Amino acid sequence: MKSIPEKHMYYRQVRFSDIDAHGHVNNVRFLEYLEDAWIALYLDNTAVPPEDRDGVPTVGFAIVRHEIFYRRPLRFRHGSVRVESWVTKMNRVTCEMAAQICSDGEVFVEARSMIMGFDAQTAKPRRFTVHERTFLTRYLR
């Protein structure tokens, strides 16, 4: 029997500063939740990234596009929300990541983002390394 690929789990506390005038998490803050989750996915699966000037990584990922579906308002709460992330498509340079932000059986946000390998020194796209392809494939669903 084939095993189901993993989802990366990241937990994030809703902060007072995330809440907007309508009393729920501002839509722009959800992008920060996703960014934090994908940085955690990268760092959880790689050694310390190669670094250059002042600790800035020379390789990594860049976002090509986001598509976000806001399913229900997320209000301030005790406890954290969970960001579940997985890969839906992948080639040598880009991968499509899917995610949902949820808690206690409720889904607040569903998102898809296109991510590409990026070389900070040349400011150009790059192919994923063998190691990156290996760990991203583990999350391919």
Protein backbone atom coordinates (compact mmCIF):
# COMPACT_ATOMS: atom_id res chain seq x y z
CA MET A 1 0.00 0.00 0.00
CA LYS A 2 1.35 3.41 -0.99
CA SER A 3 1.84 5.82 1.90
CA ILE A 4 0.17 9.22 1.87
CA PRO A 5 2.71 12.04 1.52
CA GLU A 6 3.25 14.25 4.51
CA LYS A 7 1.83 17.66 5.24
CA HIS A 8 4.14 20.12 6.95
CA MET A 9 2.58 21.44 10.17
CA TYR A 10 3.36 24.88 11.56
CA TYR A 11 1.65 26.41 14.59
CA ARG A 12 1.16 30.15 14.99
CA GLN A 13 -0.35 32.15 17.81
CA VAL A 14 -2.85 34.80 16.73
CA ARG A 15 -1.55 38.12 18.06
CA PHE A 16 -3.46 41.24 19.05
CA SER A 17 -1.61 43.09 16.29
CA ASP A 18 -3.08 40.66 13.70
CA ILE A 19 -6.62 41.86 14.43
CA ASP A 20 -8.14 44.60 12.27
CA ALA A 21 -10.98 47.09 12.85
CA HIS A 22 -13.54 44.36 12.04
CA GLY A 23 -12.34 42.23 14.96
CA HIS A 24 -10.73 39.44 12.95
CA VAL A 25 -7.32 38.63 11.49
CA ASN A 26 -6.54 41.04 8.66
CA ASN A 27 -6.24 39.39 5.24
CA VAL A 28 -2.66 40.63 4.76
CA ARG A 29 -1.63 38.93 8.02
CA PHE A 30 -2.61 35.58 6.55
CA LEU A 31 0.16 36.02 3.98
CA GLU A 32 2.58 36.40 6.90
CA TYR A 33 1.24 33.17 8.43
CA LEU A 34 1.86 31.39 5.12
CA GLU A 35 5.32 32.92 4.75
CA ASP A 36 6.26 31.87 8.29
CA ALA A 37 5.04 28.33 7.60
CA TRP A 38 6.99 28.00 4.35
CA ILE A 39 10.16 29.39 5.91
CA ALA A 40 9.73 26.80 8.68
CA LEU A 41 9.21 24.05 6.07
CA TYR A 42 12.44 25.07 4.34
CA LEU A 43 14.47 25.37 7.54
CA ASP A 44 13.02 22.14 8.99
CA ASN A 45 14.27 20.26 5.92
CA THR A 46 17.62 21.85 5.10
CA ALA A 47 20.87 22.48 6.81
CA VAL A 48 21.70 26.09 7.59
CA PRO A 49 21.38 27.81 4.21
CA PRO A 50 24.55 29.09 2.56
CA GLU A 51 25.03 32.62 3.77
CA ASP A 52 26.70 35.67 2.46
CA ARG A 53 26.81 39.29 3.56
CA ASP A 54 25.45 39.78 7.08
CA GLY A 55 23.78 36.38 7.29
CA VAL A 56 21.49 36.84 4.27
CA PRO A 57 20.92 33.48 2.53
CA THR A 58 22.30 33.39 -1.00
CA VAL A 59 19.86 30.73 -2.15
CA GLY A 60 16.27 30.11 -1.28
CA PHE A 61 12.81 30.58 -2.66
CA ALA A 62 10.86 33.48 -4.12
CA ILE A 63 7.09 33.76 -4.47
CA VAL A 64 5.75 33.95 -8.02
CA ARG A 65 2.04 34.27 -7.13
CA HIS A 66 -0.55 33.71 -4.40
CA GLU A 67 -4.18 32.67 -4.62
CA ILE A 68 -6.07 32.88 -1.34
CA PHE A 69 -9.60 31.81 -0.44
CA TYR A 70 -10.92 33.33 2.78
CA ARG A 71 -13.38 30.75 4.13
CA ARG A 72 -14.37 32.33 7.47
CA PRO A 73 -13.22 35.08 9.83
CA LEU A 74 -10.50 34.19 12.32
CA ARG A 75 -10.92 36.05 15.59
CA PHE A 76 -8.45 36.35 18.43
CA ARG A 77 -8.24 33.11 20.38
CA HIS A 78 -6.27 31.38 23.05
CA GLY A 79 -4.05 28.75 21.53
CA SER A 80 -2.55 28.64 18.10
CA VAL A 81 -3.79 27.99 14.59
CA ARG A 82 -2.24 25.31 12.42
CA VAL A 83 -0.86 25.99 8.95
CA GLU A 84 -0.81 22.74 6.95
CA SER A 85 1.35 22.92 3.81
CA TRP A 86 2.00 20.48 0.98
CA VAL A 87 3.22 20.44 -2.62
CA THR A 88 0.70 19.94 -5.44
CA LYS A 89 2.93 20.33 -8.53
CA MET A 90 6.65 20.48 -9.09
CA ASN A 91 9.19 20.90 -11.86
CA ARG A 92 12.90 21.79 -11.88
CA VAL A 93 12.46 25.48 -11.02
CA THR A 94 8.97 25.96 -9.54
CA CYS A 95 6.55 24.19 -7.29
CA GLU A 96 2.97 24.90 -6.36
CA MET A 97 2.37 24.87 -2.63
CA ALA A 98 -1.07 24.45 -1.11
CA ALA A 99 -1.94 25.35 2.45
CA GLN A 100 -4.79 25.73 4.83
CA ILE A 101 -4.97 27.66 8.05
CA CYS A 102 -7.18 25.85 10.51
CA SER A 103 -8.02 25.18 14.13
CA ASP A 104 -10.46 22.92 15.95
CA GLY A 105 -11.86 21.48 12.72
CA GLU A 106 -12.50 24.89 11.14
CA VAL A 107 -10.70 26.01 7.97
CA PHE A 108 -10.20 29.77 7.83
CA VAL A 109 -8.02 30.09 4.74
CA GLU A 110 -7.09 27.90 1.78
CA ALA A 111 -4.18 29.05 -0.38
CA ARG A 112 -2.08 28.09 -3.35
CA SER A 113 1.24 29.72 -4.11
CA MET A 114 3.78 29.25 -6.86
CA ILE A 115 7.30 29.22 -5.45
CA MET A 116 10.54 29.19 -7.42
CA GLY A 117 14.14 28.48 -6.60
CA PHE A 118 15.97 31.81 -6.40
CA ASP A 119 19.63 32.81 -6.38
CA ALA A 120 20.06 36.04 -4.39
CA GLN A 121 23.51 36.73 -5.84
CA THR A 122 22.31 36.77 -9.44
CA ALA A 123 18.70 37.80 -8.65
CA LYS A 124 17.54 35.08 -11.04
CA PRO A 125 15.54 31.87 -10.86
CA ARG A 126 17.53 28.70 -10.31
CA ARG A 127 16.85 24.97 -10.40
CA PHE A 128 16.02 23.27 -7.16
CA THR A 129 18.94 21.38 -5.68
CA VAL A 130 18.77 17.60 -5.40
CA HIS A 131 18.24 17.98 -1.65
CA GLU A 132 15.39 20.49 -2.16
CA ARG A 133 13.70 18.25 -4.73
CA THR A 134 14.00 15.32 -2.34
CA PHE A 135 12.36 17.06 0.60
CA LEU A 136 9.72 18.81 -1.54
CA THR A 137 8.78 15.46 -3.11
CA ARG A 138 8.09 14.13 0.38
CA TYR A 139 5.22 16.66 0.59
CA LEU A 140 3.92 16.08 -2.97
CA ARG A 141 0.24 15.05 -2.79
